[in-house]
Amino acid sequence: MLFEGIGRIVVSFQQTEQWLSEILALLLRMKEKDDQFLVSAAMSFGQKVDLLIELYPKRKPHQLQEVDLIVVKNALSTAEEFRNRVVHSFWAIECADENRWIRIKGSLRGRKGLKLSKTPANIEMLHECNRSLLVIREWMIIETSKIEEATKTLKAYMSDGQKINHGG
C-alpha cells in the first residue's frame, strides 16, 4: 500500500506537469502534436509555471476559462514541493517492527549540520494528498476555492514535516 501511495503521487504529479506542457504548447501556438513533449523536455517545472503565468492572460484561447493565476501558481508550486518531499525521502521498514514503514528525511542546516527526521509512514495521508494533486492537476477547469483547499491540504501535511508523517 505504501508503494501504491507513493506511485500515485508520482504519476499524478507527472500528469499535472504534462497537462501544463500541453497548455503551454497551445499558448505558444505550437501546432504539432508532439510539441508538448518539446515544452516538457526543455523546461523545468518552475520555468513552465512562470511561463504559464506570463502567457495565460495574453494568449488564453476563448475555450479556456479565466483562472486566478496567483492561486494556480501557488497550487502548482506547492504540488511540486510536495512531490519532491515524497520522492526524495527515504522509505524503510522499521527495524523493531517489520510491518511498520517509516519515512526518513535528511537535511543540512548550515552550522547545525545534518538533521534527520524519522517518523511513521502515513499511507492514508499519501492517498489524501493524491486526491489534492488530482484537483490541482485540473486547475484550468476546477473552481478556485477547491484549488485553494487542495493546496491548503498539501501545505498542512508539509508544515514542519509534522502532518506528512503522522498516522500509520
Protein backbone atom coordinates (compact mmCIF):
# COMPACT_ATOMS: atom_id res chain seq x y z
CA MET A 1 0.00 0.00 0.00
CA LEU A 2 2.90 2.38 0.67
CA PHE A 3 4.36 1.76 -2.79
CA GLU A 4 0.95 2.37 -4.33
CA GLY A 5 0.57 5.64 -2.43
CA ILE A 6 3.99 6.90 -3.49
CA GLY A 7 3.38 5.74 -7.05
CA ARG A 8 0.07 7.56 -7.26
CA ILE A 9 1.75 10.78 -6.06
CA VAL A 10 4.46 10.44 -8.72
CA VAL A 11 2.04 9.68 -11.56
CA SER A 12 -0.45 12.38 -10.55
CA PHE A 13 2.31 14.99 -10.49
CA GLN A 14 3.65 13.71 -13.81
CA GLN A 15 0.18 14.14 -15.32
CA THR A 16 -0.01 17.65 -13.86
CA GLU A 17 3.29 18.53 -15.49
CA GLN A 18 2.27 17.04 -18.83
CA TRP A 19 -1.06 18.88 -18.87
CA LEU A 20 0.81 22.09 -18.06
CA SER A 21 3.08 21.40 -21.05
CA GLU A 22 0.03 20.86 -23.26
CA ILE A 23 -1.45 24.21 -22.21
CA LEU A 24 1.90 25.94 -22.80
CA ALA A 25 2.20 24.40 -26.28
CA LEU A 26 -1.28 25.78 -27.01
CA LEU A 27 -0.39 29.23 -25.64
CA LEU A 28 2.86 29.22 -27.63
CA ARG A 29 0.80 28.38 -30.72
CA MET A 30 2.78 25.24 -31.39
CA LYS A 31 0.88 23.16 -33.90
CA GLU A 32 2.45 19.72 -33.94
CA LYS A 33 1.02 17.02 -31.69
CA ASP A 34 4.41 16.29 -30.13
CA ASP A 35 5.19 19.95 -29.35
CA GLN A 36 4.01 19.40 -25.78
CA PHE A 37 6.92 17.00 -25.32
CA LEU A 38 9.34 19.68 -26.52
CA VAL A 39 8.00 22.02 -23.86
CA SER A 40 8.14 19.27 -21.26
CA ALA A 41 11.73 18.32 -22.07
CA ALA A 42 13.08 21.84 -22.47
CA MET A 43 11.95 23.43 -19.23
CA SER A 44 11.90 22.73 -15.52
CA PHE A 45 8.53 22.62 -13.80
CA GLY A 46 9.13 26.02 -12.21
CA GLN A 47 10.01 27.53 -15.59
CA LYS A 48 6.79 26.13 -17.04
CA VAL A 49 4.76 27.66 -14.22
CA ASP A 50 6.45 31.04 -14.68
CA LEU A 51 5.83 30.96 -18.43
CA LEU A 52 2.19 30.00 -17.86
CA ILE A 53 1.69 32.99 -15.56
CA GLU A 54 3.21 35.28 -18.19
CA LEU A 55 1.36 33.90 -21.24
CA TYR A 56 -2.05 32.83 -19.97
CA PRO A 57 -3.57 36.32 -19.63
CA LYS A 58 -2.23 37.40 -23.03
CA ARG A 59 -2.86 34.32 -25.16
CA LYS A 60 -5.62 32.36 -23.47
CA PRO A 61 -7.95 30.98 -26.18
CA HIS A 62 -11.63 31.64 -25.63
CA GLN A 63 -12.30 27.94 -24.89
CA LEU A 64 -10.17 28.15 -21.74
CA GLN A 65 -11.75 29.74 -18.67
CA GLU A 66 -10.40 32.65 -16.68
CA VAL A 67 -8.43 31.50 -13.66
CA ASP A 68 -6.89 33.15 -10.62
CA LEU A 69 -3.25 32.91 -11.63
CA ILE A 70 -1.96 33.66 -8.14
CA VAL A 71 -3.92 30.69 -6.77
CA VAL A 72 -2.83 28.49 -9.69
CA LYS A 73 0.85 29.40 -9.30
CA ASN A 74 0.71 28.73 -5.56
CA ALA A 75 -1.05 25.39 -6.13
CA LEU A 76 1.35 24.20 -8.81
CA SER A 77 4.41 25.23 -6.78
CA THR A 78 3.03 23.51 -3.69
CA ALA A 79 2.31 20.36 -5.71
CA GLU A 80 5.91 20.28 -6.91
CA GLU A 81 7.27 20.81 -3.40
CA PHE A 82 5.07 18.03 -2.02
CA ARG A 83 6.05 15.62 -4.78
CA ASN A 84 9.74 16.39 -4.19
CA ARG A 85 9.39 15.71 -0.47
CA VAL A 86 7.78 12.35 -1.15
CA VAL A 87 10.25 11.32 -3.85
CA HIS A 88 13.37 12.50 -2.03
CA SER A 89 12.50 10.91 1.29
CA PHE A 90 13.91 7.54 2.26
CA TRP A 91 11.17 4.99 2.98
CA ALA A 92 12.19 1.96 5.04
CA ILE A 93 10.90 -0.84 7.23
CA GLU A 94 11.25 -0.09 10.95
CA CYS A 95 13.88 -2.39 12.43
CA ALA A 96 11.83 -3.09 15.55
CA ASP A 97 8.66 -3.95 13.59
CA GLU A 98 8.88 -5.33 10.05
CA ASN A 99 5.23 -4.44 9.42
CA ARG A 100 5.81 -0.74 10.07
CA TRP A 101 7.17 1.62 7.45
CA ILE A 102 8.97 4.83 8.31
CA ARG A 103 9.92 7.94 6.39
CA ILE A 104 13.42 9.35 6.86
CA LYS A 105 14.26 12.80 5.59
CA GLY A 106 17.69 14.34 5.92
CA SER A 107 18.55 18.00 5.60
CA LEU A 108 21.69 20.05 6.06
CA ARG A 109 21.06 23.14 8.15
CA GLY A 110 24.14 25.34 7.96
CA ARG A 111 26.11 25.27 11.21
CA LYS A 112 23.65 22.87 12.78
CA GLY A 113 24.78 20.16 10.38
CA LEU A 114 22.79 17.12 9.35
CA LYS A 115 19.29 16.79 10.72
CA LEU A 116 17.41 13.53 10.29
CA SER A 117 13.71 13.24 10.90
CA LYS A 118 12.33 9.72 11.25
CA THR A 119 8.59 9.23 11.51
CA PRO A 120 5.98 6.59 10.77
CA ALA A 121 4.81 6.48 7.17
CA ASN A 122 1.25 7.72 6.79
CA ILE A 123 -0.34 5.83 3.91
CA GLU A 124 -3.76 7.48 4.32
CA MET A 125 -2.05 10.87 4.09
CA LEU A 126 -0.49 9.87 0.77
CA HIS A 127 -3.93 8.98 -0.58
CA GLU A 128 -5.47 12.21 0.72
CA CYS A 129 -2.68 14.28 -0.78
CA ASN A 130 -3.02 12.42 -4.08
CA ARG A 131 -6.68 13.49 -4.16
CA SER A 132 -5.46 17.07 -3.69
CA LEU A 133 -2.96 16.65 -6.54
CA LEU A 134 -5.79 15.46 -8.79
CA VAL A 135 -7.68 18.68 -8.05
CA ILE A 136 -4.61 20.84 -8.70
CA ARG A 137 -3.90 18.91 -11.91
CA GLU A 138 -7.19 20.21 -13.31
CA TRP A 139 -6.60 23.86 -12.35
CA MET A 140 -8.00 25.07 -15.67
CA ILE A 141 -11.48 23.65 -15.03
CA ILE A 142 -11.80 23.45 -11.23
CA GLU A 143 -13.29 26.15 -9.01
CA THR A 144 -10.72 28.41 -7.34
CA SER A 145 -11.99 27.51 -3.85
CA LYS A 146 -11.31 23.80 -4.49
CA ILE A 147 -7.80 24.55 -5.73
CA GLU A 148 -7.15 26.63 -2.61
CA GLU A 149 -8.47 23.80 -0.40
CA ALA A 150 -6.27 21.22 -2.15
CA THR A 151 -3.23 23.49 -1.78
CA LYS A 152 -4.01 24.00 1.89
CA THR A 153 -4.15 20.23 2.40
CA LEU A 154 -0.72 19.71 0.83
CA LYS A 155 0.78 22.58 2.82
CA ALA A 156 -0.72 21.26 6.06
CA TYR A 157 0.92 17.89 5.51
CA MET A 158 4.26 19.54 4.74
CA SER A 159 4.36 22.09 7.57
CA ASP A 160 7.38 21.38 9.70
CA GLY A 161 7.37 17.80 8.45
CA GLN A 162 4.68 17.04 11.01
CA LYS A 163 1.43 16.08 9.36
CA ILE A 164 3.18 14.44 6.43
CA ASN A 165 4.34 11.78 8.85
CA HIS A 166 1.66 11.21 11.46
CA GLY A 167 -0.53 8.14 11.47
CA GLY A 168 0.14 4.75 10.08
